Amino acid sequence: MPEEDRDFDEHMIVERKDGSLWMLLRTKYGIGESVSYDRGRSWSSVAPSKIKHSNARFFIRRLHSGNLLLVKHGPLDVKTGRSHLMAFLSRDDGRSWSRGLLLDQRQGVSYPDGQQTKDGTIYLIYDYHRVKDQNIILISFTEDDILAPDYDRRIIKVFRNRKIVSKGGPD
């Protein structure tokens, strides 16, 4: 990582179907990427990703279906700041992505991380106003929610699943 682009070391790595490793890196300009074809012994030079993002944490994971899940702020081609947390799916190892499912539209959402259970439910945790309110939010959704034709109804369903699991803040 070029020192002038380095900010926080929050890299995420997924194995592609061809066995290569794809690393996405948080940088001062957004998301950088690098690829290893030898199981991580060597890496390509870091280059800006086509995925636009602010200097903030994002989340990527391989799901049980084989699809990739990406959670980031805003649409794929827009830098929004820390608002409009959205989930996207890729069936082709990140070459293309689905329409995004809006998870939280508020300003001040950040640090998404998640897991998928055996039944296919994706549980995502993130914070809201981590300095002021210190809320930790848990939300759940499925791949079908991201891909569903009844998009507006799915947003409402996902919003109703949103729970504050920690209010934090001063005692």
N, C-alpha and C. Protein backbone atom coordinates (compact mmCIF):
# COMPACT_ATOMS: atom_id res chain seq x y z
N MET A 1 0.86 -1.17 0.00
CA MET A 1 0.00 0.00 0.00
C MET A 1 0.90 1.23 0.00
N PRO A 2 0.76 2.09 -0.99
CA PRO A 2 1.55 3.32 -0.97
C PRO A 2 1.23 4.13 0.28
N GLU A 3 2.26 4.59 0.96
CA GLU A 3 2.10 5.30 2.24
C GLU A 3 1.18 6.51 2.10
N GLU A 4 1.22 7.21 0.97
CA GLU A 4 0.38 8.40 0.80
C GLU A 4 -1.11 8.07 0.69
N ASP A 5 -1.44 6.81 0.39
CA ASP A 5 -2.84 6.38 0.30
C ASP A 5 -3.32 5.66 1.56
N ARG A 6 -2.38 5.28 2.40
CA ARG A 6 -2.70 4.47 3.59
C ARG A 6 -3.33 5.33 4.67
N ASP A 7 -4.38 4.80 5.27
CA ASP A 7 -5.03 5.50 6.38
C ASP A 7 -5.26 4.50 7.51
N PHE A 8 -6.28 3.67 7.40
CA PHE A 8 -6.55 2.65 8.40
C PHE A 8 -6.38 1.28 7.75
N ASP A 9 -5.80 0.36 8.47
CA ASP A 9 -5.57 -0.99 7.93
C ASP A 9 -6.82 -1.84 8.15
N GLU A 10 -7.77 -1.71 7.22
CA GLU A 10 -9.02 -2.46 7.29
C GLU A 10 -9.25 -3.17 5.96
N HIS A 11 -8.37 -4.10 5.66
CA HIS A 11 -8.43 -4.84 4.40
C HIS A 11 -9.35 -6.05 4.58
N MET A 12 -9.98 -6.44 3.49
CA MET A 12 -10.81 -7.65 3.49
C MET A 12 -10.42 -8.47 2.27
N ILE A 13 -10.32 -9.78 2.45
CA ILE A 13 -9.89 -10.68 1.38
C ILE A 13 -10.96 -11.74 1.14
N VAL A 14 -11.28 -11.97 -0.13
CA VAL A 14 -12.15 -13.09 -0.50
C VAL A 14 -11.42 -13.94 -1.53
N GLU A 15 -11.68 -15.24 -1.44
CA GLU A 15 -11.13 -16.14 -2.45
C GLU A 15 -12.10 -16.21 -3.61
N ARG A 16 -11.58 -15.99 -4.80
CA ARG A 16 -12.41 -16.10 -6.00
C ARG A 16 -12.54 -17.56 -6.41
N LYS A 17 -13.49 -17.80 -7.27
CA LYS A 17 -13.76 -19.17 -7.71
C LYS A 17 -12.58 -19.79 -8.46
N ASP A 18 -11.71 -18.95 -9.06
CA ASP A 18 -10.54 -19.46 -9.77
C ASP A 18 -9.35 -19.71 -8.83
N GLY A 19 -9.55 -19.48 -7.51
CA GLY A 19 -8.49 -19.71 -6.52
C GLY A 19 -7.67 -18.47 -6.20
N SER A 20 -7.81 -17.41 -6.99
CA SER A 20 -7.07 -16.18 -6.68
C SER A 20 -7.68 -15.51 -5.45
N LEU A 21 -6.90 -14.67 -4.81
CA LEU A 21 -7.36 -13.91 -3.65
C LEU A 21 -7.53 -12.45 -4.07
N TRP A 22 -8.69 -11.88 -3.76
CA TRP A 22 -9.01 -10.50 -4.10
C TRP A 22 -9.07 -9.72 -2.79
N MET A 23 -8.17 -8.76 -2.65
CA MET A 23 -8.14 -7.95 -1.45
C MET A 23 -8.66 -6.56 -1.76
N LEU A 24 -9.64 -6.13 -0.96
CA LEU A 24 -10.12 -4.76 -1.01
C LEU A 24 -9.57 -4.05 0.22
N LEU A 25 -9.07 -2.83 0.02
CA LEU A 25 -8.40 -2.11 1.08
C LEU A 25 -9.03 -0.74 1.29
N ARG A 26 -9.22 -0.35 2.53
CA ARG A 26 -9.66 1.01 2.84
C ARG A 26 -8.47 1.93 2.62
N THR A 27 -8.69 2.97 1.83
CA THR A 27 -7.64 3.93 1.53
C THR A 27 -8.16 5.35 1.76
N LYS A 28 -7.28 6.32 1.67
CA LYS A 28 -7.70 7.72 1.80
C LYS A 28 -8.65 8.12 0.67
N TYR A 29 -8.52 7.47 -0.50
CA TYR A 29 -9.37 7.83 -1.64
C TYR A 29 -10.62 6.96 -1.74
N GLY A 30 -10.73 5.93 -0.92
CA GLY A 30 -11.90 5.05 -0.98
C GLY A 30 -11.49 3.61 -0.86
N ILE A 31 -11.74 2.83 -1.92
CA ILE A 31 -11.39 1.40 -1.91
C ILE A 31 -10.29 1.15 -2.95
N GLY A 32 -9.22 0.55 -2.49
CA GLY A 32 -8.17 0.06 -3.39
C GLY A 32 -8.31 -1.45 -3.49
N GLU A 33 -7.64 -2.03 -4.49
CA GLU A 33 -7.71 -3.49 -4.64
C GLU A 33 -6.38 -4.06 -5.08
N SER A 34 -6.17 -5.31 -4.75
CA SER A 34 -4.97 -6.04 -5.12
C SER A 34 -5.37 -7.51 -5.27
N VAL A 35 -4.63 -8.25 -6.09
CA VAL A 35 -4.94 -9.65 -6.35
C VAL A 35 -3.69 -10.49 -6.16
N SER A 36 -3.86 -11.68 -5.59
CA SER A 36 -2.78 -12.65 -5.47
C SER A 36 -3.19 -13.92 -6.21
N TYR A 37 -2.27 -14.42 -7.02
CA TYR A 37 -2.52 -15.66 -7.76
C TYR A 37 -1.70 -16.83 -7.20
N ASP A 38 -0.98 -16.58 -6.07
CA ASP A 38 -0.14 -17.62 -5.49
C ASP A 38 -0.43 -17.82 -4.00
N ARG A 39 -1.74 -17.77 -3.66
CA ARG A 39 -2.22 -18.02 -2.30
C ARG A 39 -1.70 -17.00 -1.28
N GLY A 40 -1.39 -15.78 -1.75
CA GLY A 40 -1.03 -14.70 -0.85
C GLY A 40 0.46 -14.47 -0.65
N ARG A 41 1.29 -15.21 -1.36
CA ARG A 41 2.73 -15.00 -1.24
C ARG A 41 3.15 -13.69 -1.89
N SER A 42 2.48 -13.32 -2.97
CA SER A 42 2.77 -12.03 -3.63
C SER A 42 1.44 -11.42 -4.08
N TRP A 43 1.46 -10.11 -4.22
CA TRP A 43 0.25 -9.35 -4.54
C TRP A 43 0.54 -8.34 -5.64
N SER A 44 -0.48 -8.05 -6.45
CA SER A 44 -0.36 -6.99 -7.45
C SER A 44 -0.29 -5.64 -6.73
N SER A 45 0.17 -4.64 -7.42
CA SER A 45 0.19 -3.29 -6.85
C SER A 45 -1.24 -2.85 -6.54
N VAL A 46 -1.40 -2.09 -5.48
CA VAL A 46 -2.72 -1.59 -5.11
C VAL A 46 -3.15 -0.56 -6.14
N ALA A 47 -4.39 -0.72 -6.62
CA ALA A 47 -4.96 0.21 -7.60
C ALA A 47 -6.36 0.59 -7.13
N PRO A 48 -6.84 1.78 -7.51
CA PRO A 48 -8.21 2.16 -7.14
C PRO A 48 -9.22 1.18 -7.70
N SER A 49 -10.19 0.81 -6.89
CA SER A 49 -11.27 -0.07 -7.31
C SER A 49 -12.30 0.74 -8.10
N LYS A 50 -13.07 0.06 -8.94
CA LYS A 50 -14.18 0.71 -9.63
C LYS A 50 -15.33 1.00 -8.67
N ILE A 51 -15.30 0.36 -7.51
CA ILE A 51 -16.32 0.59 -6.49
C ILE A 51 -15.99 1.90 -5.78
N LYS A 52 -16.85 2.88 -5.92
CA LYS A 52 -16.64 4.18 -5.29
C LYS A 52 -17.06 4.11 -3.82
N HIS A 53 -16.28 4.73 -2.97
CA HIS A 53 -16.57 4.68 -1.54
C HIS A 53 -15.80 5.79 -0.84
N SER A 54 -16.33 6.23 0.27
CA SER A 54 -15.62 7.21 1.08
C SER A 54 -14.53 6.49 1.88
N ASN A 55 -13.73 7.24 2.57
CA ASN A 55 -12.70 6.68 3.43
C ASN A 55 -13.40 6.15 4.68
N ALA A 56 -13.98 4.97 4.57
CA ALA A 56 -14.75 4.34 5.65
C ALA A 56 -14.71 2.83 5.46
N ARG A 57 -15.00 2.11 6.52
CA ARG A 57 -14.99 0.66 6.43
C ARG A 57 -16.17 0.16 5.59
N PHE A 58 -15.93 -0.91 4.88
CA PHE A 58 -16.93 -1.62 4.08
C PHE A 58 -16.86 -3.07 4.52
N PHE A 59 -17.69 -3.92 3.93
CA PHE A 59 -17.70 -5.33 4.31
C PHE A 59 -17.92 -6.17 3.06
N ILE A 60 -17.15 -7.24 2.90
CA ILE A 60 -17.35 -8.17 1.80
C ILE A 60 -17.17 -9.59 2.33
N ARG A 61 -18.01 -10.52 1.83
CA ARG A 61 -17.96 -11.91 2.28
C ARG A 61 -18.53 -12.81 1.19
N ARG A 62 -17.99 -14.02 1.11
CA ARG A 62 -18.55 -15.06 0.25
C ARG A 62 -19.70 -15.70 1.01
N LEU A 63 -20.87 -15.79 0.37
CA LEU A 63 -22.05 -16.40 0.98
C LEU A 63 -22.14 -17.88 0.66
N HIS A 64 -23.01 -18.59 1.34
CA HIS A 64 -23.18 -20.04 1.12
C HIS A 64 -23.54 -20.35 -0.33
N SER A 65 -24.24 -19.45 -1.00
CA SER A 65 -24.64 -19.65 -2.39
C SER A 65 -23.47 -19.57 -3.36
N GLY A 66 -22.35 -19.04 -2.89
CA GLY A 66 -21.20 -18.78 -3.77
C GLY A 66 -21.14 -17.34 -4.21
N ASN A 67 -22.23 -16.58 -4.01
CA ASN A 67 -22.23 -15.16 -4.36
C ASN A 67 -21.40 -14.36 -3.36
N LEU A 68 -20.94 -13.20 -3.80
CA LEU A 68 -20.28 -12.27 -2.90
C LEU A 68 -21.29 -11.25 -2.40
N LEU A 69 -21.19 -10.91 -1.14
CA LEU A 69 -21.99 -9.84 -0.53
C LEU A 69 -21.05 -8.68 -0.25
N LEU A 70 -21.43 -7.50 -0.71
CA LEU A 70 -20.70 -6.27 -0.42
C LEU A 70 -21.65 -5.32 0.29
N VAL A 71 -21.21 -4.78 1.42
CA VAL A 71 -21.97 -3.75 2.13
C VAL A 71 -21.10 -2.51 2.17
N LYS A 72 -21.64 -1.42 1.64
CA LYS A 72 -20.91 -0.17 1.53
C LYS A 72 -21.87 1.00 1.66
N HIS A 73 -21.33 2.18 1.71
CA HIS A 73 -22.14 3.39 1.78
C HIS A 73 -22.49 3.84 0.37
N GLY A 74 -23.78 3.92 0.07
CA GLY A 74 -24.27 4.46 -1.19
C GLY A 74 -24.16 3.52 -2.36
N PRO A 75 -24.67 3.97 -3.52
CA PRO A 75 -24.59 3.18 -4.75
C PRO A 75 -23.13 2.90 -5.14
N LEU A 76 -22.94 1.92 -6.01
CA LEU A 76 -21.59 1.48 -6.39
C LEU A 76 -20.74 2.58 -7.00
N ASP A 77 -21.37 3.51 -7.70
CA ASP A 77 -20.61 4.53 -8.42
C ASP A 77 -20.69 5.91 -7.75
N VAL A 78 -21.04 5.95 -6.45
CA VAL A 78 -21.23 7.22 -5.74
C VAL A 78 -20.55 7.17 -4.39
N LYS A 79 -19.84 8.26 -4.03
CA LYS A 79 -19.32 8.43 -2.68
C LYS A 79 -20.34 9.25 -1.90
N THR A 80 -20.89 8.69 -0.83
CA THR A 80 -21.95 9.37 -0.09
C THR A 80 -21.51 9.88 1.28
N GLY A 81 -20.35 9.53 1.75
CA GLY A 81 -20.03 9.74 3.14
C GLY A 81 -20.61 8.57 3.92
N ARG A 82 -20.75 8.71 5.21
CA ARG A 82 -21.21 7.60 6.04
C ARG A 82 -22.73 7.61 6.19
N SER A 83 -23.38 7.42 5.06
CA SER A 83 -24.84 7.33 5.02
C SER A 83 -25.23 6.33 3.95
N HIS A 84 -26.50 6.00 3.90
CA HIS A 84 -27.05 5.11 2.87
C HIS A 84 -26.29 3.79 2.79
N LEU A 85 -26.27 3.08 3.90
CA LEU A 85 -25.63 1.77 3.94
C LEU A 85 -26.45 0.82 3.06
N MET A 86 -25.77 0.15 2.11
CA MET A 86 -26.45 -0.68 1.12
C MET A 86 -25.76 -2.03 0.98
N ALA A 87 -26.53 -3.05 0.59
CA ALA A 87 -26.01 -4.41 0.35
C ALA A 87 -26.15 -4.74 -1.13
N PHE A 88 -25.10 -5.34 -1.69
CA PHE A 88 -25.05 -5.72 -3.10
C PHE A 88 -24.60 -7.17 -3.21
N LEU A 89 -25.03 -7.86 -4.26
CA LEU A 89 -24.59 -9.22 -4.54
C LEU A 89 -23.87 -9.27 -5.88
N SER A 90 -22.86 -10.14 -5.94
CA SER A 90 -22.18 -10.41 -7.20
C SER A 90 -22.16 -11.92 -7.42
N ARG A 91 -22.59 -12.34 -8.59
CA ARG A 91 -22.57 -13.76 -8.96
C ARG A 91 -21.31 -14.11 -9.74
N ASP A 92 -20.51 -13.08 -10.11
CA ASP A 92 -19.34 -13.29 -10.96
C ASP A 92 -18.05 -12.76 -10.33
N ASP A 93 -17.91 -12.98 -9.02
CA ASP A 93 -16.69 -12.63 -8.28
C ASP A 93 -16.33 -11.15 -8.35
N GLY A 94 -17.33 -10.29 -8.35
CA GLY A 94 -17.09 -8.85 -8.24
C GLY A 94 -16.94 -8.11 -9.56
N ARG A 95 -17.12 -8.81 -10.68
CA ARG A 95 -17.06 -8.10 -11.96
C ARG A 95 -18.31 -7.27 -12.19
N SER A 96 -19.45 -7.73 -11.68
CA SER A 96 -20.70 -6.96 -11.75
C SER A 96 -21.46 -7.18 -10.45
N TRP A 97 -22.37 -6.26 -10.17
CA TRP A 97 -23.09 -6.28 -8.90
C TRP A 97 -24.58 -6.04 -9.14
N SER A 98 -25.38 -6.55 -8.23
CA SER A 98 -26.84 -6.36 -8.27
C SER A 98 -27.18 -4.92 -7.91
N ARG A 99 -28.45 -4.63 -8.08
CA ARG A 99 -28.98 -3.39 -7.51
C ARG A 99 -28.76 -3.48 -6.00
N GLY A 100 -28.57 -2.36 -5.36
CA GLY A 100 -28.33 -2.36 -3.92
C GLY A 100 -29.61 -2.35 -3.11
N LEU A 101 -29.58 -3.01 -1.98
CA LEU A 101 -30.69 -2.97 -1.02
C LEU A 101 -30.32 -1.96 0.06
N LEU A 102 -31.13 -0.94 0.23
CA LEU A 102 -30.88 0.08 1.25
C LEU A 102 -31.14 -0.51 2.63
N LEU A 103 -30.13 -0.47 3.48
CA LEU A 103 -30.23 -1.02 4.83
C LEU A 103 -30.46 0.08 5.87
N ASP A 104 -29.82 1.23 5.68
CA ASP A 104 -29.96 2.33 6.63
C ASP A 104 -29.57 3.61 5.90
N GLN A 105 -30.52 4.56 5.82
CA GLN A 105 -30.31 5.78 5.05
C GLN A 105 -29.68 6.90 5.87
N ARG A 106 -29.60 6.74 7.18
CA ARG A 106 -29.19 7.83 8.06
C ARG A 106 -27.71 8.20 7.93
N GLN A 107 -27.42 9.45 8.17
CA GLN A 107 -26.05 9.94 8.26
C GLN A 107 -25.45 9.41 9.57
N GLY A 108 -24.23 8.94 9.53
CA GLY A 108 -23.56 8.49 10.75
C GLY A 108 -23.59 6.99 10.98
N VAL A 109 -23.87 6.20 9.92
CA VAL A 109 -23.79 4.74 10.04
C VAL A 109 -22.42 4.28 9.54
N SER A 110 -21.82 3.34 10.24
CA SER A 110 -20.48 2.92 9.82
C SER A 110 -20.09 1.58 10.43
N TYR A 111 -18.97 1.08 9.97
CA TYR A 111 -18.33 -0.15 10.44
C TYR A 111 -19.22 -1.40 10.34
N PRO A 112 -19.72 -1.70 9.13
CA PRO A 112 -20.52 -2.92 8.97
C PRO A 112 -19.67 -4.18 9.08
N ASP A 113 -20.26 -5.21 9.64
CA ASP A 113 -19.64 -6.53 9.69
C ASP A 113 -20.78 -7.54 9.81
N GLY A 114 -20.58 -8.74 9.31
CA GLY A 114 -21.70 -9.66 9.33
C GLY A 114 -21.34 -11.11 9.21
N GLN A 115 -22.40 -11.92 9.23
CA GLN A 115 -22.29 -13.37 9.16
C GLN A 115 -23.58 -13.91 8.55
N GLN A 116 -23.47 -15.05 7.89
CA GLN A 116 -24.65 -15.72 7.35
C GLN A 116 -24.86 -17.04 8.09
N THR A 117 -26.10 -17.29 8.49
CA THR A 117 -26.42 -18.55 9.18
C THR A 117 -26.76 -19.63 8.16
N LYS A 118 -26.86 -20.86 8.63
CA LYS A 118 -27.12 -22.00 7.74
C LYS A 118 -28.42 -21.86 6.97
N ASP A 119 -29.41 -21.17 7.55
CA ASP A 119 -30.70 -21.00 6.87
C ASP A 119 -30.67 -19.89 5.81
N GLY A 120 -29.52 -19.25 5.63
CA GLY A 120 -29.37 -18.22 4.61
C GLY A 120 -29.58 -16.80 5.09
N THR A 121 -30.00 -16.62 6.33
CA THR A 121 -30.19 -15.28 6.86
C THR A 121 -28.83 -14.61 7.06
N ILE A 122 -28.75 -13.37 6.62
CA ILE A 122 -27.53 -12.57 6.79
C ILE A 122 -27.79 -11.62 7.95
N TYR A 123 -26.93 -11.68 8.95
CA TYR A 123 -27.00 -10.76 10.09
C TYR A 123 -25.86 -9.77 9.96
N LEU A 124 -26.22 -8.50 9.99
CA LEU A 124 -25.23 -7.43 9.84
C LEU A 124 -25.30 -6.55 11.08
N ILE A 125 -24.14 -6.21 11.58
CA ILE A 125 -24.06 -5.30 12.71
C ILE A 125 -23.27 -4.08 12.26
N TYR A 126 -23.64 -2.92 12.74
CA TYR A 126 -22.94 -1.68 12.40
C TYR A 126 -23.25 -0.66 13.49
N ASP A 127 -22.53 0.45 13.45
CA ASP A 127 -22.81 1.46 14.47
C ASP A 127 -23.52 2.67 13.87
N TYR A 128 -24.16 3.40 14.75
CA TYR A 128 -24.86 4.64 14.39
C TYR A 128 -24.41 5.71 15.37
N HIS A 129 -23.85 6.80 14.83
CA HIS A 129 -23.29 7.89 15.64
C HIS A 129 -22.40 7.33 16.75
N ARG A 130 -21.33 6.70 16.32
CA ARG A 130 -20.49 5.96 17.27
C ARG A 130 -19.85 6.82 18.34
N VAL A 131 -19.69 8.13 18.09
CA VAL A 131 -19.09 9.00 19.10
C VAL A 131 -20.17 9.60 20.00
N LYS A 132 -21.26 10.05 19.40
CA LYS A 132 -22.32 10.73 20.17
C LYS A 132 -23.27 9.73 20.83
N ASP A 133 -24.04 8.99 20.04
CA ASP A 133 -25.06 8.08 20.57
C ASP A 133 -24.52 6.70 20.92
N GLN A 134 -23.48 6.27 20.24
CA GLN A 134 -22.83 4.98 20.45
C GLN A 134 -23.81 3.81 20.34
N ASN A 135 -24.70 3.88 19.35
CA ASN A 135 -25.65 2.79 19.13
C ASN A 135 -25.03 1.71 18.25
N ILE A 136 -25.26 0.46 18.64
CA ILE A 136 -24.89 -0.67 17.80
C ILE A 136 -26.19 -1.26 17.28
N ILE A 137 -26.28 -1.40 15.96
CA ILE A 137 -27.50 -1.84 15.28
C ILE A 137 -27.28 -3.24 14.72
N LEU A 138 -28.31 -4.08 14.83
CA LEU A 138 -28.34 -5.40 14.22
C LEU A 138 -29.48 -5.42 13.22
N ILE A 139 -29.19 -5.89 12.02
CA ILE A 139 -30.21 -5.97 10.98
C ILE A 139 -30.07 -7.34 10.31
N SER A 140 -31.18 -7.87 9.82
CA SER A 140 -31.12 -9.16 9.12
C SER A 140 -31.86 -9.06 7.80
N PHE A 141 -31.36 -9.83 6.83
CA PHE A 141 -31.95 -9.86 5.49
C PHE A 141 -31.43 -11.10 4.78
N THR A 142 -31.92 -11.34 3.58
CA THR A 142 -31.49 -12.50 2.80
C THR A 142 -31.06 -12.04 1.40
N GLU A 143 -30.46 -12.97 0.67
CA GLU A 143 -30.12 -12.68 -0.72
C GLU A 143 -31.39 -12.36 -1.51
N ASP A 144 -32.48 -13.07 -1.21
CA ASP A 144 -33.75 -12.81 -1.91
C ASP A 144 -34.22 -11.37 -1.67
N ASP A 145 -33.99 -10.83 -0.48
CA ASP A 145 -34.37 -9.44 -0.22
C ASP A 145 -33.62 -8.48 -1.15
N ILE A 146 -32.36 -8.77 -1.41
CA ILE A 146 -31.56 -7.90 -2.29
C ILE A 146 -32.06 -7.99 -3.73
N LEU A 147 -32.41 -9.19 -4.17
CA LEU A 147 -32.75 -9.43 -5.58
C LEU A 147 -34.24 -9.34 -5.90
N ALA A 148 -35.08 -9.19 -4.89
CA ALA A 148 -36.54 -9.27 -5.08
C ALA A 148 -37.08 -8.16 -5.98
N PRO A 149 -38.08 -8.50 -6.82
CA PRO A 149 -38.70 -7.48 -7.66
C PRO A 149 -39.58 -6.51 -6.85
N ASP A 150 -40.05 -6.94 -5.68
CA ASP A 150 -40.86 -6.06 -4.83
C ASP A 150 -39.94 -5.28 -3.87
N TYR A 151 -39.02 -4.56 -4.47
CA TYR A 151 -37.95 -3.86 -3.77
C TYR A 151 -38.46 -2.97 -2.63
N ASP A 152 -39.47 -2.15 -2.89
CA ASP A 152 -39.97 -1.22 -1.87
C ASP A 152 -40.48 -1.97 -0.64
N ARG A 153 -41.18 -3.07 -0.84
CA ARG A 153 -41.68 -3.86 0.29
C ARG A 153 -40.52 -4.49 1.07
N ARG A 154 -39.48 -4.91 0.37
CA ARG A 154 -38.33 -5.52 1.03
C ARG A 154 -37.60 -4.50 1.90
N ILE A 155 -37.50 -3.26 1.44
CA ILE A 155 -36.87 -2.22 2.26
C ILE A 155 -37.62 -2.07 3.57
N ILE A 156 -38.94 -2.02 3.49
CA ILE A 156 -39.76 -1.89 4.71
C ILE A 156 -39.52 -3.08 5.63
N LYS A 157 -39.50 -4.30 5.06
CA LYS A 157 -39.25 -5.50 5.85
C LYS A 157 -37.90 -5.41 6.56
N VAL A 158 -36.87 -5.02 5.84
CA VAL A 158 -35.53 -4.93 6.41
C VAL A 158 -35.49 -3.84 7.49
N PHE A 159 -36.10 -2.69 7.23
CA PHE A 159 -36.12 -1.62 8.23
C PHE A 159 -36.81 -2.10 9.51
N ARG A 160 -37.86 -2.88 9.38
CA ARG A 160 -38.57 -3.39 10.57
C ARG A 160 -37.72 -4.39 11.35
N ASN A 161 -36.76 -5.03 10.69
CA ASN A 161 -35.85 -5.96 11.36
C ASN A 161 -34.71 -5.26 12.10
N ARG A 162 -34.58 -3.97 11.92
CA ARG A 162 -33.47 -3.21 12.51
C ARG A 162 -33.69 -3.08 14.02
N LYS A 163 -32.67 -3.47 14.81
CA LYS A 163 -32.77 -3.41 16.26
C LYS A 163 -31.53 -2.76 16.84
N ILE A 164 -31.72 -1.93 17.85
CA ILE A 164 -30.60 -1.40 18.61
C ILE A 164 -30.22 -2.47 19.63
N VAL A 165 -28.99 -2.96 19.55
CA VAL A 165 -28.56 -4.00 20.50
C VAL A 165 -27.70 -3.42 21.61
N SER A 166 -27.21 -2.20 21.43
CA SER A 166 -26.46 -1.52 22.48
C SER A 166 -26.63 -0.02 22.32
N LYS A 167 -27.05 0.63 23.37
CA LYS A 167 -27.22 2.08 23.31
C LYS A 167 -25.96 2.83 23.71
N GLY A 168 -25.01 2.15 24.31
CA GLY A 168 -23.73 2.78 24.63
C GLY A 168 -23.89 4.09 25.36
N GLY A 169 -22.99 5.02 25.09
CA GLY A 169 -23.08 6.35 25.67
C GLY A 169 -22.66 6.37 27.11
N PRO A 170 -22.67 7.57 27.69
CA PRO A 170 -22.25 7.71 29.09
C PRO A 170 -23.24 7.01 30.02
N ASP A 171 -22.72 6.50 31.14
CA ASP A 171 -23.58 5.81 32.11
C ASP A 171 -24.46 6.77 32.87
